[in-house]
């Protein structure tokens, strides 16, 4: 079993009727949402150097770095 890192983005207010989104990278987050929607610039999020289980809170959402198990 292998582990994969994901970023869980949970918005305080729904976007397109959804509050939660899952991404494989920080870049993928910003390919789908603007810095204005997230509430922080991409570079700022990278500079946080989130570890597994850490979260970064903004006015609009919570970005949490998590691990999922993959059957490989």
Foldseek 3Di string as FASTA:
>chain_A
DDKAKKKWKAWPDDDVNDGIDIGRDLVVVCVPDPCVQSQHDSVVVVVVVADAQDWDDHPTIIIHIHMDDDDD
